[in-house]
Amino acid sequence: RTHSAAAAAALGAALGDGEAAPQDEVVAVAGRVVSKRVMGKLAFLGVQDETGTLQLYVDKKRLGSRDADAEAGEGEGGTEGGRAAESEFAVAKRTVDVGDIVGA
């Protein structure tokens, strides 16, 4: 973790409307999932630490797929453990739940 929720929120508040954060700035937060909303190819997670709560935006397009290991020769035919490879988004959607502690 590089930033608390409050520090990360302050960084976002300092940006103007439509302004993007510098590409070389890395922000990592950690906390407990207090809310989860999945809407098709998007998900929103409320993550809380001792300083406050952040909303994380998870977009399926920005996440990789687990079959990347198969393409690198670490699996066969895009399968993992005998099942078809699934996207990282599908894994996160299936495994992350309210009450879990996550880092992002």
PDB file of N, CA and C in Angstrom:
ATOM      1  N   ARG A   1       0.855  -1.180   0.000  1.00  0.00           N
ATOM      2  CA  ARG A   1       0.000   0.000   0.000  1.00  0.00           C
ATOM      3  C   ARG A   1       0.892   1.230   0.000  1.00  0.00           C
ATOM      4  N   THR A   2       0.621   2.133  -0.934  1.00  0.00           N
ATOM      5  CA  THR A   2       1.387   3.376  -1.008  1.00  0.00           C
ATOM      6  C   THR A   2       0.620   4.561  -0.439  1.00  0.00           C
ATOM      7  N   HIS A   3      -0.703   4.469  -0.424  1.00  0.00           N
ATOM      8  CA  HIS A   3      -1.540   5.579   0.020  1.00  0.00           C
ATOM      9  C   HIS A   3      -2.685   5.060   0.881  1.00  0.00           C
ATOM     10  N   SER A   4      -3.114   5.882   1.815  1.00  0.00           N
ATOM     11  CA  SER A   4      -4.346   5.587   2.555  1.00  0.00           C
ATOM     12  C   SER A   4      -5.519   6.003   1.670  1.00  0.00           C
ATOM     13  N   ALA A   5      -6.721   5.629   2.067  1.00  0.00           N
ATOM     14  CA  ALA A   5      -7.905   6.027   1.306  1.00  0.00           C
ATOM     15  C   ALA A   5      -8.014   7.547   1.248  1.00  0.00           C
ATOM     16  N   ALA A   6      -7.766   8.218   2.365  1.00  0.00           N
ATOM     17  CA  ALA A   6      -7.859   9.677   2.403  1.00  0.00           C
ATOM     18  C   ALA A   6      -6.822  10.328   1.488  1.00  0.00           C
ATOM     19  N   ALA A   7      -5.599   9.806   1.486  1.00  0.00           N
ATOM     20  CA  ALA A   7      -4.547  10.366   0.634  1.00  0.00           C
ATOM     21  C   ALA A   7      -4.861  10.141  -0.843  1.00  0.00           C
ATOM     22  N   ALA A   8      -5.379   8.973  -1.192  1.00  0.00           N
ATOM     23  CA  ALA A   8      -5.744   8.694  -2.581  1.00  0.00           C
ATOM     24  C   ALA A   8      -6.902   9.583  -3.018  1.00  0.00           C
ATOM     25  N   ALA A   9      -7.878   9.789  -2.139  1.00  0.00           N
ATOM     26  CA  ALA A   9      -9.004  10.666  -2.457  1.00  0.00           C
ATOM     27  C   ALA A   9      -8.525  12.102  -2.655  1.00  0.00           C
ATOM     28  N   ALA A  10      -7.570  12.544  -1.853  1.00  0.00           N
ATOM     29  CA  ALA A  10      -7.028  13.897  -1.997  1.00  0.00           C
ATOM     30  C   ALA A  10      -6.324  14.066  -3.343  1.00  0.00           C
ATOM     31  N   LEU A  11      -5.621  13.036  -3.796  1.00  0.00           N
ATOM     32  CA  LEU A  11      -4.984  13.092  -5.115  1.00  0.00           C
ATOM     33  C   LEU A  11      -6.029  13.259  -6.210  1.00  0.00           C
ATOM     34  N   GLY A  12      -7.115  12.512  -6.099  1.00  0.00           N
ATOM     35  CA  GLY A  12      -8.183  12.612  -7.086  1.00  0.00           C
ATOM     36  C   GLY A  12      -8.884  13.957  -7.042  1.00  0.00           C
ATOM     37  N   ALA A  13      -9.073  14.495  -5.853  1.00  0.00           N
ATOM     38  CA  ALA A  13      -9.749  15.785  -5.702  1.00  0.00           C
ATOM     39  C   ALA A  13      -8.918  16.923  -6.290  1.00  0.00           C
ATOM     40  N   ALA A  14      -7.604  16.753  -6.323  1.00  0.00           N
ATOM     41  CA  ALA A  14      -6.723  17.792  -6.852  1.00  0.00           C
ATOM     42  C   ALA A  14      -6.770  17.871  -8.376  1.00  0.00           C
ATOM     43  N   LEU A  15      -7.292  16.850  -9.036  1.00  0.00           N
ATOM     44  CA  LEU A  15      -7.393  16.849 -10.494  1.00  0.00           C
ATOM     45  C   LEU A  15      -8.603  17.660 -10.930  1.00  0.00           C
ATOM     46  N   GLY A  16      -8.480  18.341 -12.055  1.00  0.00           N
ATOM     47  CA  GLY A  16      -9.604  19.072 -12.618  1.00  0.00           C
ATOM     48  C   GLY A  16     -10.553  18.124 -13.334  1.00  0.00           C
ATOM     49  N   ASP A  17     -11.723  18.635 -13.734  1.00  0.00           N
ATOM     50  CA  ASP A  17     -12.703  17.823 -14.460  1.00  0.00           C
ATOM     51  C   ASP A  17     -12.089  17.284 -15.747  1.00  0.00           C
ATOM     52  N   GLY A  18     -12.154  15.983 -15.931  1.00  0.00           N
ATOM     53  CA  GLY A  18     -11.632  15.341 -17.127  1.00  0.00           C
ATOM     54  C   GLY A  18     -10.123  15.207 -17.171  1.00  0.00           C
ATOM     55  N   GLU A  19      -9.441  15.684 -16.154  1.00  0.00           N
ATOM     56  CA  GLU A  19      -7.979  15.606 -16.111  1.00  0.00           C
ATOM     57  C   GLU A  19      -7.551  14.230 -15.600  1.00  0.00           C
ATOM     58  N   ALA A  20      -6.592  13.631 -16.276  1.00  0.00           N
ATOM     59  CA  ALA A  20      -6.098  12.310 -15.880  1.00  0.00           C
ATOM     60  C   ALA A  20      -4.874  12.458 -14.987  1.00  0.00           C
ATOM     61  N   ALA A  21      -4.683  11.482 -14.132  1.00  0.00           N
ATOM     62  CA  ALA A  21      -3.497  11.454 -13.276  1.00  0.00           C
ATOM     63  C   ALA A  21      -2.277  11.143 -14.130  1.00  0.00           C
ATOM     64  N   PRO A  22      -1.108  11.593 -13.729  1.00  0.00           N
ATOM     65  CA  PRO A  22       0.113  11.266 -14.476  1.00  0.00           C
ATOM     66  C   PRO A  22       0.297   9.747 -14.579  1.00  0.00           C
ATOM     67  N   GLN A  23       0.720   9.279 -15.746  1.00  0.00           N
ATOM     68  CA  GLN A  23       0.875   7.842 -15.985  1.00  0.00           C
ATOM     69  C   GLN A  23       1.950   7.215 -15.105  1.00  0.00           C
ATOM     70  N   ASP A  24       2.938   7.998 -14.691  1.00  0.00           N
ATOM     71  CA  ASP A  24       4.029   7.429 -13.901  1.00  0.00           C
ATOM     72  C   ASP A  24       3.738   7.410 -12.402  1.00  0.00           C
ATOM     73  N   GLU A  25       2.593   7.932 -11.990  1.00  0.00           N
ATOM     74  CA  GLU A  25       2.248   7.940 -10.570  1.00  0.00           C
ATOM     75  C   GLU A  25       1.492   6.662 -10.211  1.00  0.00           C
ATOM     76  N   VAL A  26       2.044   5.899  -9.281  1.00  0.00           N
ATOM     77  CA  VAL A  26       1.435   4.648  -8.849  1.00  0.00           C
ATOM     78  C   VAL A  26       0.761   4.865  -7.501  1.00  0.00           C
ATOM     79  N   VAL A  27      -0.497   4.470  -7.423  1.00  0.00           N
ATOM     80  CA  VAL A  27      -1.250   4.559  -6.174  1.00  0.00           C
ATOM     81  C   VAL A  27      -1.775   3.165  -5.864  1.00  0.00           C
ATOM     82  N   ALA A  28      -1.416   2.647  -4.707  1.00  0.00           N
ATOM     83  CA  ALA A  28      -1.905   1.345  -4.259  1.00  0.00           C
ATOM     84  C   ALA A  28      -2.604   1.544  -2.919  1.00  0.00           C
ATOM     85  N   VAL A  29      -3.810   1.001  -2.814  1.00  0.00           N
ATOM     86  CA  VAL A  29      -4.586   1.108  -1.579  1.00  0.00           C
ATOM     87  C   VAL A  29      -4.973  -0.288  -1.114  1.00  0.00           C
ATOM     88  N   ALA A  30      -5.335  -0.395   0.144  1.00  0.00           N
ATOM     89  CA  ALA A  30      -5.795  -1.667   0.698  1.00  0.00           C
ATOM     90  C   ALA A  30      -6.870  -1.373   1.726  1.00  0.00           C
ATOM     91  N   GLY A  31      -7.820  -2.285   1.834  1.00  0.00           N
ATOM     92  CA  GLY A  31      -8.871  -2.113   2.823  1.00  0.00           C
ATOM     93  C   GLY A  31      -9.914  -3.209   2.719  1.00  0.00           C
ATOM     94  N   ARG A  32     -10.956  -3.051   3.513  1.00  0.00           N
ATOM     95  CA  ARG A  32     -12.050  -4.023   3.546  1.00  0.00           C
ATOM     96  C   ARG A  32     -13.128  -3.620   2.545  1.00  0.00           C
ATOM     97  N   VAL A  33     -13.629  -4.591   1.787  1.00  0.00           N
ATOM     98  CA  VAL A  33     -14.715  -4.343   0.841  1.00  0.00           C
ATOM     99  C   VAL A  33     -16.000  -4.147   1.641  1.00  0.00           C
ATOM    100  N   VAL A  34     -16.611  -2.960   1.505  1.00  0.00           N
ATOM    101  CA  VAL A  34     -17.842  -2.663   2.234  1.00  0.00           C
ATOM    102  C   VAL A  34     -19.058  -2.643   1.318  1.00  0.00           C
ATOM    103  N   SER A  35     -18.823  -2.600  -0.004  1.00  0.00           N
ATOM    104  CA  SER A  35     -19.932  -2.700  -0.954  1.00  0.00           C
ATOM    105  C   SER A  35     -19.408  -3.244  -2.273  1.00  0.00           C
ATOM    106  N   LYS A  36     -20.302  -3.916  -3.009  1.00  0.00           N
ATOM    107  CA  LYS A  36     -19.943  -4.510  -4.298  1.00  0.00           C
ATOM    108  C   LYS A  36     -21.154  -4.408  -5.210  1.00  0.00           C
ATOM    109  N   ARG A  37     -20.953  -3.762  -6.369  1.00  0.00           N
ATOM    110  CA  ARG A  37     -22.015  -3.658  -7.359  1.00  0.00           C
ATOM    111  C   ARG A  37     -21.443  -4.049  -8.717  1.00  0.00           C
ATOM    112  N   VAL A  38     -21.999  -5.089  -9.310  1.00  0.00           N
ATOM    113  CA  VAL A  38     -21.551  -5.559 -10.616  1.00  0.00           C
ATOM    114  C   VAL A  38     -22.636  -5.225 -11.625  1.00  0.00           C
ATOM    115  N   MET A  39     -22.224  -4.576 -12.720  1.00  0.00           N
ATOM    116  CA  MET A  39     -23.154  -4.174 -13.771  1.00  0.00           C
ATOM    117  C   MET A  39     -22.585  -4.585 -15.119  1.00  0.00           C
ATOM    118  N   GLY A  40     -22.808  -5.816 -15.497  1.00  0.00           N
ATOM    119  CA  GLY A  40     -22.301  -6.300 -16.773  1.00  0.00           C
ATOM    120  C   GLY A  40     -20.789  -6.385 -16.784  1.00  0.00           C
ATOM    121  N   LYS A  41     -20.153  -5.528 -17.597  1.00  0.00           N
ATOM    122  CA  LYS A  41     -18.697  -5.553 -17.741  1.00  0.00           C
ATOM    123  C   LYS A  41     -17.999  -4.568 -16.815  1.00  0.00           C
ATOM    124  N   LEU A  42     -18.741  -4.003 -15.873  1.00  0.00           N
ATOM    125  CA  LEU A  42     -18.185  -3.066 -14.894  1.00  0.00           C
ATOM    126  C   LEU A  42     -18.510  -3.533 -13.492  1.00  0.00           C
ATOM    127  N   ALA A  43     -17.668  -3.158 -12.553  1.00  0.00           N
ATOM    128  CA  ALA A  43     -17.954  -3.420 -11.142  1.00  0.00           C
ATOM    129  C   ALA A  43     -17.450  -2.234 -10.334  1.00  0.00           C
ATOM    130  N   PHE A  44     -18.135  -1.951  -9.251  1.00  0.00           N
ATOM    131  CA  PHE A  44     -17.745  -0.895  -8.329  1.00  0.00           C
ATOM    132  C   PHE A  44     -17.590  -1.526  -6.955  1.00  0.00           C
ATOM    133  N   LEU A  45     -16.439  -1.291  -6.341  1.00  0.00           N
ATOM    134  CA  LEU A  45     -16.179  -1.810  -5.001  1.00  0.00           C
ATOM    135  C   LEU A  45     -15.952  -0.641  -4.058  1.00  0.00           C
ATOM    136  N   GLY A  46     -16.663  -0.626  -2.951  1.00  0.00           N
ATOM    137  CA  GLY A  46     -16.383   0.327  -1.888  1.00  0.00           C
ATOM    138  C   GLY A  46     -15.351  -0.306  -0.981  1.00  0.00           C
ATOM    139  N   VAL A  47     -14.193   0.341  -0.828  1.00  0.00           N
ATOM    140  CA  VAL A  47     -13.099  -0.198  -0.021  1.00  0.00           C
ATOM    141  C   VAL A  47     -12.785   0.805   1.088  1.00  0.00           C
ATOM    142  N   GLN A  48     -12.796   0.318   2.320  1.00  0.00           N
ATOM    143  CA  GLN A  48     -12.618   1.192   3.479  1.00  0.00           C
ATOM    144  C   GLN A  48     -11.355   0.822   4.249  1.00  0.00           C
ATOM    145  N   ASP A  49     -10.592   1.848   4.645  1.00  0.00           N
ATOM    146  CA  ASP A  49      -9.478   1.644   5.572  1.00  0.00           C
ATOM    147  C   ASP A  49      -9.698   2.558   6.774  1.00  0.00           C
ATOM    148  N   GLU A  50      -8.688   2.713   7.607  1.00  0.00           N
ATOM    149  CA  GLU A  50      -8.857   3.490   8.839  1.00  0.00           C
ATOM    150  C   GLU A  50      -9.064   4.982   8.590  1.00  0.00           C
ATOM    151  N   THR A  51      -8.805   5.462   7.353  1.00  0.00           N
ATOM    152  CA  THR A  51      -8.929   6.894   7.068  1.00  0.00           C
ATOM    153  C   THR A  51     -10.173   7.261   6.281  1.00  0.00           C
ATOM    154  N   GLY A  52     -10.864   6.276   5.716  1.00  0.00           N
ATOM    155  CA  GLY A  52     -12.049   6.579   4.925  1.00  0.00           C
ATOM    156  C   GLY A  52     -12.374   5.485   3.928  1.00  0.00           C
ATOM    157  N   THR A  53     -13.266   5.825   3.001  1.00  0.00           N
ATOM    158  CA  THR A  53     -13.747   4.863   2.006  1.00  0.00           C
ATOM    159  C   THR A  53     -13.499   5.395   0.601  1.00  0.00           C
ATOM    160  N   LEU A  54     -13.080   4.513  -0.285  1.00  0.00           N
ATOM    161  CA  LEU A  54     -12.895   4.819  -1.702  1.00  0.00           C
ATOM    162  C   LEU A  54     -13.812   3.941  -2.521  1.00  0.00           C
ATOM    163  N   GLN A  55     -14.193   4.425  -3.691  1.00  0.00           N
ATOM    164  CA  GLN A  55     -14.921   3.585  -4.635  1.00  0.00           C
ATOM    165  C   GLN A  55     -13.947   3.190  -5.741  1.00  0.00           C
ATOM    166  N   LEU A  56     -13.760   1.895  -5.927  1.00  0.00           N
ATOM    167  CA  LEU A  56     -12.905   1.393  -6.999  1.00  0.00           C
ATOM    168  C   LEU A  56     -13.768   1.036  -8.194  1.00  0.00           C
ATOM    169  N   TYR A  57     -13.304   1.415  -9.376  1.00  0.00           N
ATOM    170  CA  TYR A  57     -13.979   1.146 -10.634  1.00  0.00           C
ATOM    171  C   TYR A  57     -13.210   0.025 -11.323  1.00  0.00           C
ATOM    172  N   VAL A  58     -13.873  -1.079 -11.615  1.00  0.00           N
ATOM    173  CA  VAL A  58     -13.227  -2.226 -12.250  1.00  0.00           C
ATOM    174  C   VAL A  58     -13.869  -2.430 -13.614  1.00  0.00           C
ATOM    175  N   ASP A  59     -13.071  -2.322 -14.669  1.00  0.00           N
ATOM    176  CA  ASP A  59     -13.553  -2.432 -16.043  1.00  0.00           C
ATOM    177  C   ASP A  59     -12.974  -3.699 -16.671  1.00  0.00           C
ATOM    178  N   LYS A  60     -13.840  -4.545 -17.199  1.00  0.00           N
ATOM    179  CA  LYS A  60     -13.399  -5.809 -17.794  1.00  0.00           C
ATOM    180  C   LYS A  60     -12.359  -5.590 -18.894  1.00  0.00           C
ATOM    181  N   LYS A  61     -12.496  -4.511 -19.650  1.00  0.00           N
ATOM    182  CA  LYS A  61     -11.570  -4.237 -20.753  1.00  0.00           C
ATOM    183  C   LYS A  61     -10.145  -3.975 -20.271  1.00  0.00           C
ATOM    184  N   ARG A  62      -9.996  -3.481 -19.048  1.00  0.00           N
ATOM    185  CA  ARG A  62      -8.673  -3.111 -18.538  1.00  0.00           C
ATOM    186  C   ARG A  62      -7.965  -4.265 -17.840  1.00  0.00           C
ATOM    187  N   LEU A  63      -8.669  -5.355 -17.607  1.00  0.00           N
ATOM    188  CA  LEU A  63      -8.066  -6.510 -16.943  1.00  0.00           C
ATOM    189  C   LEU A  63      -7.681  -7.548 -17.977  1.00  0.00           C
ATOM    190  N   GLY A  64      -6.660  -8.334 -17.668  1.00  0.00           N
ATOM    191  CA  GLY A  64      -6.214  -9.384 -18.572  1.00  0.00           C
ATOM    192  C   GLY A  64      -7.076 -10.623 -18.445  1.00  0.00           C
ATOM    193  N   SER A  65      -6.647 -11.669 -19.112  1.00  0.00           N
ATOM    194  CA  SER A  65      -7.349 -12.940 -18.993  1.00  0.00           C
ATOM    195  C   SER A  65      -6.391 -13.971 -18.433  1.00  0.00           C
ATOM    196  N   ARG A  66      -6.935 -14.950 -17.767  1.00  0.00           N
ATOM    197  CA  ARG A  66      -6.110 -15.983 -17.142  1.00  0.00           C
ATOM    198  C   ARG A  66      -5.517 -16.919 -18.186  1.00  0.00           C
ATOM    199  N   ASP A  67      -5.984 -16.854 -19.438  1.00  0.00           N
ATOM    200  CA  ASP A  67      -5.413 -17.727 -20.457  1.00  0.00           C
ATOM    201  C   ASP A  67      -4.089 -17.173 -20.983  1.00  0.00           C
ATOM    202  N   ALA A  68      -3.630 -16.042 -20.465  1.00  0.00           N
ATOM    203  CA  ALA A  68      -2.315 -15.521 -20.842  1.00  0.00           C
ATOM    204  C   ALA A  68      -1.229 -16.509 -20.430  1.00  0.00           C
ATOM    205  N   ASP A  69      -1.433 -17.237 -19.327  1.00  0.00           N
ATOM    206  CA  ASP A  69      -0.477 -18.255 -18.906  1.00  0.00           C
ATOM    207  C   ASP A  69      -0.375 -19.370 -19.940  1.00  0.00           C
ATOM    208  N   ALA A  70      -1.513 -19.741 -20.521  1.00  0.00           N
ATOM    209  CA  ALA A  70      -1.508 -20.803 -21.522  1.00  0.00           C
ATOM    210  C   ALA A  70      -0.749 -20.355 -22.765  1.00  0.00           C
ATOM    211  N   GLU A  71      -0.914 -19.079 -23.144  1.00  0.00           N
ATOM    212  CA  GLU A  71      -0.212 -18.567 -24.312  1.00  0.00           C
ATOM    213  C   GLU A  71       1.286 -18.523 -24.069  1.00  0.00           C
ATOM    214  N   ALA A  72       1.694 -18.378 -22.820  1.00  0.00           N
ATOM    215  CA  ALA A  72       3.115 -18.325 -22.480  1.00  0.00           C
ATOM    216  C   ALA A  72       3.708 -19.719 -22.301  1.00  0.00           C
ATOM    217  N   GLY A  73       2.901 -20.764 -22.538  1.00  0.00           N
ATOM    218  CA  GLY A  73       3.395 -22.126 -22.439  1.00  0.00           C
ATOM    219  C   GLY A  73       3.265 -22.732 -21.063  1.00  0.00           C
ATOM    220  N   GLU A  74       2.548 -22.078 -20.151  1.00  0.00           N
ATOM    221  CA  GLU A  74       2.402 -22.602 -18.797  1.00  0.00           C
ATOM    222  C   GLU A  74       1.128 -23.418 -18.630  1.00  0.00           C
ATOM    223  N   GLY A  75       0.361 -23.539 -19.656  1.00  0.00           N
ATOM    224  CA  GLY A  75      -0.862 -24.331 -19.607  1.00  0.00           C
ATOM    225  C   GLY A  75      -1.072 -24.941 -20.968  1.00  0.00           C
ATOM    226  N   GLU A  76      -2.146 -25.689 -21.118  1.00  0.00           N
ATOM    227  CA  GLU A  76      -2.402 -26.297 -22.411  1.00  0.00           C
ATOM    228  C   GLU A  76      -3.769 -25.916 -22.901  1.00  0.00           C
ATOM    229  N   GLY A  77      -3.815 -25.448 -24.141  1.00  0.00           N
ATOM    230  CA  GLY A  77      -5.080 -25.193 -24.796  1.00  0.00           C
ATOM    231  C   GLY A  77      -5.984 -24.202 -24.089  1.00  0.00           C
ATOM    232  N   GLY A  78      -5.430 -23.277 -23.341  1.00  0.00           N
ATOM    233  CA  GLY A  78      -6.256 -22.276 -22.679  1.00  0.00           C
ATOM    234  C   GLY A  78      -7.064 -22.834 -21.529  1.00  0.00           C
ATOM    235  N   THR A  79      -6.598 -23.913 -20.916  1.00  0.00           N
ATOM    236  CA  THR A  79      -7.328 -24.465 -19.780  1.00  0.00           C
ATOM    237  C   THR A  79      -6.522 -24.309 -18.517  1.00  0.00           C
ATOM    238  N   GLU A  80      -7.215 -24.241 -17.421  1.00  0.00           N
ATOM    239  CA  GLU A  80      -6.574 -24.176 -16.110  1.00  0.00           C
ATOM    240  C   GLU A  80      -7.271 -25.161 -15.220  1.00  0.00           C
ATOM    241  N   GLY A  81      -6.551 -26.117 -14.727  1.00  0.00           N
ATOM    242  CA  GLY A  81      -7.157 -27.073 -13.819  1.00  0.00           C
ATOM    243  C   GLY A  81      -8.312 -27.827 -14.447  1.00  0.00           C
ATOM    244  N   GLY A  82      -8.258 -28.036 -15.766  1.00  0.00           N
ATOM    245  CA  GLY A  82      -9.309 -28.781 -16.437  1.00  0.00           C
ATOM    246  C   GLY A  82     -10.510 -27.949 -16.850  1.00  0.00           C
ATOM    247  N   ARG A  83     -10.510 -26.644 -16.591  1.00  0.00           N
ATOM    248  CA  ARG A  83     -11.624 -25.816 -17.037  1.00  0.00           C
ATOM    249  C   ARG A  83     -11.129 -24.791 -18.038  1.00  0.00           C
ATOM    250  N   ALA A  84     -12.064 -24.288 -18.817  1.00  0.00           N
ATOM    251  CA  ALA A  84     -11.715 -23.246 -19.774  1.00  0.00           C
ATOM    252  C   ALA A  84     -11.216 -22.024 -19.012  1.00  0.00           C
ATOM    253  N   ALA A  85     -10.243 -21.347 -19.589  1.00  0.00           N
ATOM    254  CA  ALA A  85      -9.708 -20.143 -18.953  1.00  0.00           C
ATOM    255  C   ALA A  85     -10.800 -19.089 -18.871  1.00  0.00           C
ATOM    256  N   GLU A  86     -10.760 -18.303 -17.802  1.00  0.00           N
ATOM    257  CA  GLU A  86     -11.736 -17.237 -17.648  1.00  0.00           C
ATOM    258  C   GLU A  86     -11.008 -15.918 -17.438  1.00  0.00           C
ATOM    259  N   SER A  87     -11.722 -14.835 -17.671  1.00  0.00           N
ATOM    260  CA  SER A  87     -11.103 -13.522 -17.546  1.00  0.00           C
ATOM    261  C   SER A  87     -10.820 -13.192 -16.087  1.00  0.00           C
ATOM    262  N   GLU A  88      -9.849 -12.315 -15.875  1.00  0.00           N
ATOM    263  CA  GLU A  88      -9.546 -11.849 -14.521  1.00  0.00           C
ATOM    264  C   GLU A  88     -10.774 -11.171 -13.920  1.00  0.00           C
ATOM    265  N   PHE A  89     -11.568 -10.504 -14.754  1.00  0.00           N
ATOM    266  CA  PHE A  89     -12.785  -9.860 -14.275  1.00  0.00           C
ATOM    267  C   PHE A  89     -13.754 -10.904 -13.725  1.00  0.00           C
ATOM    268  N   ALA A  90     -13.917 -12.013 -14.444  1.00  0.00           N
ATOM    269  CA  ALA A  90     -14.820 -13.072 -13.983  1.00  0.00           C
ATOM    270  C   ALA A  90     -14.329 -13.672 -12.674  1.00  0.00           C
ATOM    271  N   VAL A  91     -13.022 -13.837 -12.547  1.00  0.00           N
ATOM    272  CA  VAL A  91     -12.455 -14.375 -11.306  1.00  0.00           C
ATOM    273  C   VAL A  91     -12.719 -13.409 -10.160  1.00  0.00           C
ATOM    274  N   ALA A  92     -12.457 -12.123 -10.384  1.00  0.00           N
ATOM    275  CA  ALA A  92     -12.690 -11.120  -9.335  1.00  0.00           C
ATOM    276  C   ALA A  92     -14.166 -11.053  -8.964  1.00  0.00           C
ATOM    277  N   LYS A  93     -15.026 -11.086  -9.964  1.00  0.00           N
ATOM    278  CA  LYS A  93     -16.472 -11.012  -9.720  1.00  0.00           C
ATOM    279  C   LYS A  93     -16.939 -12.206  -8.886  1.00  0.00           C
ATOM    280  N   ARG A  94     -16.364 -13.362  -9.154  1.00  0.00           N
ATOM    281  CA  ARG A  94     -16.765 -14.586  -8.466  1.00  0.00           C
ATOM    282  C   ARG A  94     -16.171 -14.689  -7.062  1.00  0.00           C
ATOM    283  N   THR A  95     -14.967 -14.191  -6.864  1.00  0.00           N
ATOM    284  CA  THR A  95     -14.277 -14.452  -5.602  1.00  0.00           C
ATOM    285  C   THR A  95     -14.271 -13.300  -4.601  1.00  0.00           C
ATOM    286  N   VAL A  96     -14.330 -12.057  -5.057  1.00  0.00           N
ATOM    287  CA  VAL A  96     -14.309 -10.915  -4.133  1.00  0.00           C
ATOM    288  C   VAL A  96     -15.708 -10.690  -3.597  1.00  0.00           C
ATOM    289  N   ASP A  97     -15.812 -10.563  -2.273  1.00  0.00           N
ATOM    290  CA  ASP A  97     -17.118 -10.373  -1.648  1.00  0.00           C
ATOM    291  C   ASP A  97     -17.004  -9.332  -0.544  1.00  0.00           C
ATOM    292  N   VAL A  98     -18.150  -8.814  -0.127  1.00  0.00           N
ATOM    293  CA  VAL A  98     -18.194  -7.851   0.972  1.00  0.00           C
ATOM    294  C   VAL A  98     -17.572  -8.498   2.209  1.00  0.00           C
ATOM    295  N   GLY A  99     -16.712  -7.758   2.881  1.00  0.00           N
ATOM    296  CA  GLY A  99     -16.017  -8.257   4.062  1.00  0.00           C
ATOM    297  C   GLY A  99     -14.594  -8.692   3.786  1.00  0.00           C
ATOM    298  N   ASP A 100     -14.263  -8.951   2.517  1.00  0.00           N
ATOM    299  CA  ASP A 100     -12.901  -9.345   2.153  1.00  0.00           C
ATOM    300  C   ASP A 100     -11.946  -8.162   2.287  1.00  0.00           C
ATOM    301  N   ILE A 101     -10.694  -8.451   2.535  1.00  0.00           N
ATOM    302  CA  ILE A 101      -9.658  -7.422   2.535  1.00  0.00           C
ATOM    303  C   ILE A 101      -8.911  -7.545   1.214  1.00  0.00           C
ATOM    304  N   VAL A 102      -8.838  -6.426   0.483  1.00  0.00           N
ATOM    305  CA  VAL A 102      -8.241  -6.428  -0.850  1.00  0.00           C
ATOM    306  C   VAL A 102      -7.193  -5.326  -0.963  1.00  0.00           C
ATOM    307  N   GLY A 103      -6.351  -5.469  -1.951  1.00  0.00           N
ATOM    308  CA  GLY A 103      -5.394  -4.434  -2.317  1.00  0.00           C
ATOM    309  C   GLY A 103      -5.575  -4.127  -3.786  1.00  0.00           C
ATOM    310  N   ALA A 104      -5.443  -2.868  -4.146  1.00  0.00           N
ATOM    311  CA  ALA A 104      -5.605  -2.467  -5.549  1.00  0.00           C
ATOM    312  C   ALA A 104      -4.672  -1.318  -5.862  1.00  0.00           C
TER     313      ALA A 104
END
